[in-house]
Amino acid sequence: MDTQCAEEEMIGVSSSVENITYLEHLHKYVYKGHDRARRWIHQYVDYQQHVICDEIKVH
């Protein structure tokens, strides 16, 4: 196997692990109560909007 294929395979594996971790956290917070799920999702959305604003300021 050449190095490019090995690197692509590792990227695919790490993406799968990140997706599983995300789903585990989502499941955990949704089933602990509606307030916790709402707070966690709201914080995630705020973080994404903050990142977009920073990218605009850089350009």
C-alpha atoms as a PDB file:
ATOM      1  CA  MET A   1       0.000   0.000   0.000  1.00  0.00           C
ATOM      2  CA  ASP A   2       1.456   3.386  -0.894  1.00  0.00           C
ATOM      3  CA  THR A   3       1.642   6.236   1.612  1.00  0.00           C
ATOM      4  CA  GLN A   4      -1.151   8.293   0.025  1.00  0.00           C
ATOM      5  CA  CYS A   5      -3.642   5.431   0.375  1.00  0.00           C
ATOM      6  CA  ALA A   6      -2.508   4.838   3.955  1.00  0.00           C
ATOM      7  CA  GLU A   7      -2.972   8.530   4.801  1.00  0.00           C
ATOM      8  CA  GLU A   8      -6.439   8.618   3.200  1.00  0.00           C
ATOM      9  CA  GLU A   9      -7.424   5.518   5.158  1.00  0.00           C
ATOM     10  CA  MET A  10      -6.240   7.081   8.442  1.00  0.00           C
ATOM     11  CA  ILE A  11      -8.207  10.261   7.676  1.00  0.00           C
ATOM     12  CA  GLY A  12     -11.323   8.167   7.063  1.00  0.00           C
ATOM     13  CA  VAL A  13     -10.847   6.316  10.344  1.00  0.00           C
ATOM     14  CA  SER A  14     -10.326   9.514  12.346  1.00  0.00           C
ATOM     15  CA  SER A  15     -13.432  11.075  10.750  1.00  0.00           C
ATOM     16  CA  SER A  16     -15.472   8.027  11.740  1.00  0.00           C
ATOM     17  CA  VAL A  17     -14.176   8.235  15.312  1.00  0.00           C
ATOM     18  CA  GLU A  18     -15.051  11.947  15.479  1.00  0.00           C
ATOM     19  CA  ASN A  19     -18.576  11.227  14.191  1.00  0.00           C
ATOM     20  CA  ILE A  20     -19.077   8.456  16.745  1.00  0.00           C
ATOM     21  CA  THR A  21     -17.803  10.709  19.543  1.00  0.00           C
ATOM     22  CA  TYR A  22     -20.180  13.473  18.421  1.00  0.00           C
ATOM     23  CA  LEU A  23     -23.140  11.078  18.413  1.00  0.00           C
ATOM     24  CA  GLU A  24     -22.208   9.740  21.859  1.00  0.00           C
ATOM     25  CA  HIS A  25     -22.158  13.264  23.276  1.00  0.00           C
ATOM     26  CA  LEU A  26     -25.430  14.163  21.553  1.00  0.00           C
ATOM     27  CA  HIS A  27     -27.123  11.015  22.882  1.00  0.00           C
ATOM     28  CA  LYS A  28     -25.782  11.665  26.386  1.00  0.00           C
ATOM     29  CA  TYR A  29     -27.064  15.232  26.565  1.00  0.00           C
ATOM     30  CA  VAL A  30     -30.414  14.591  24.887  1.00  0.00           C
ATOM     31  CA  TYR A  31     -31.294  11.849  27.348  1.00  0.00           C
ATOM     32  CA  LYS A  32     -30.156  13.756  30.450  1.00  0.00           C
ATOM     33  CA  GLY A  33     -32.870  16.337  29.973  1.00  0.00           C
ATOM     34  CA  HIS A  34     -34.143  18.898  27.510  1.00  0.00           C
ATOM     35  CA  ASP A  35     -32.394  21.840  29.216  1.00  0.00           C
ATOM     36  CA  ARG A  36     -28.973  20.243  28.945  1.00  0.00           C
ATOM     37  CA  ALA A  37     -29.471  19.335  25.287  1.00  0.00           C
ATOM     38  CA  ARG A  38     -30.665  22.823  24.431  1.00  0.00           C
ATOM     39  CA  ARG A  39     -27.743  24.466  26.244  1.00  0.00           C
ATOM     40  CA  TRP A  40     -25.155  22.227  24.554  1.00  0.00           C
ATOM     41  CA  ILE A  41     -26.562  22.744  21.040  1.00  0.00           C
ATOM     42  CA  HIS A  42     -26.892  26.489  21.655  1.00  0.00           C
ATOM     43  CA  GLN A  43     -23.228  26.703  22.719  1.00  0.00           C
ATOM     44  CA  TYR A  44     -22.190  24.766  19.598  1.00  0.00           C
ATOM     45  CA  VAL A  45     -24.127  27.154  17.338  1.00  0.00           C
ATOM     46  CA  ASP A  46     -22.630  30.204  19.086  1.00  0.00           C
ATOM     47  CA  TYR A  47     -19.139  28.784  18.616  1.00  0.00           C
ATOM     48  CA  GLN A  48     -19.750  28.219  14.897  1.00  0.00           C
ATOM     49  CA  GLN A  49     -21.031  31.788  14.427  1.00  0.00           C
ATOM     50  CA  HIS A  50     -18.006  33.141  16.311  1.00  0.00           C
ATOM     51  CA  VAL A  51     -15.636  31.226  14.028  1.00  0.00           C
ATOM     52  CA  ILE A  52     -17.380  32.607  10.927  1.00  0.00           C
ATOM     53  CA  CYS A  53     -17.007  36.174  12.247  1.00  0.00           C
ATOM     54  CA  ASP A  54     -13.289  35.630  12.897  1.00  0.00           C
ATOM     55  CA  GLU A  55     -12.738  34.337   9.354  1.00  0.00           C
ATOM     56  CA  ILE A  56     -14.418  37.429   7.920  1.00  0.00           C
ATOM     57  CA  LYS A  57     -12.262  39.758  10.052  1.00  0.00           C
ATOM     58  CA  VAL A  58      -9.085  38.021   8.859  1.00  0.00           C
ATOM     59  CA  HIS A  59      -9.892  38.709   5.199  1.00  0.00           C
END
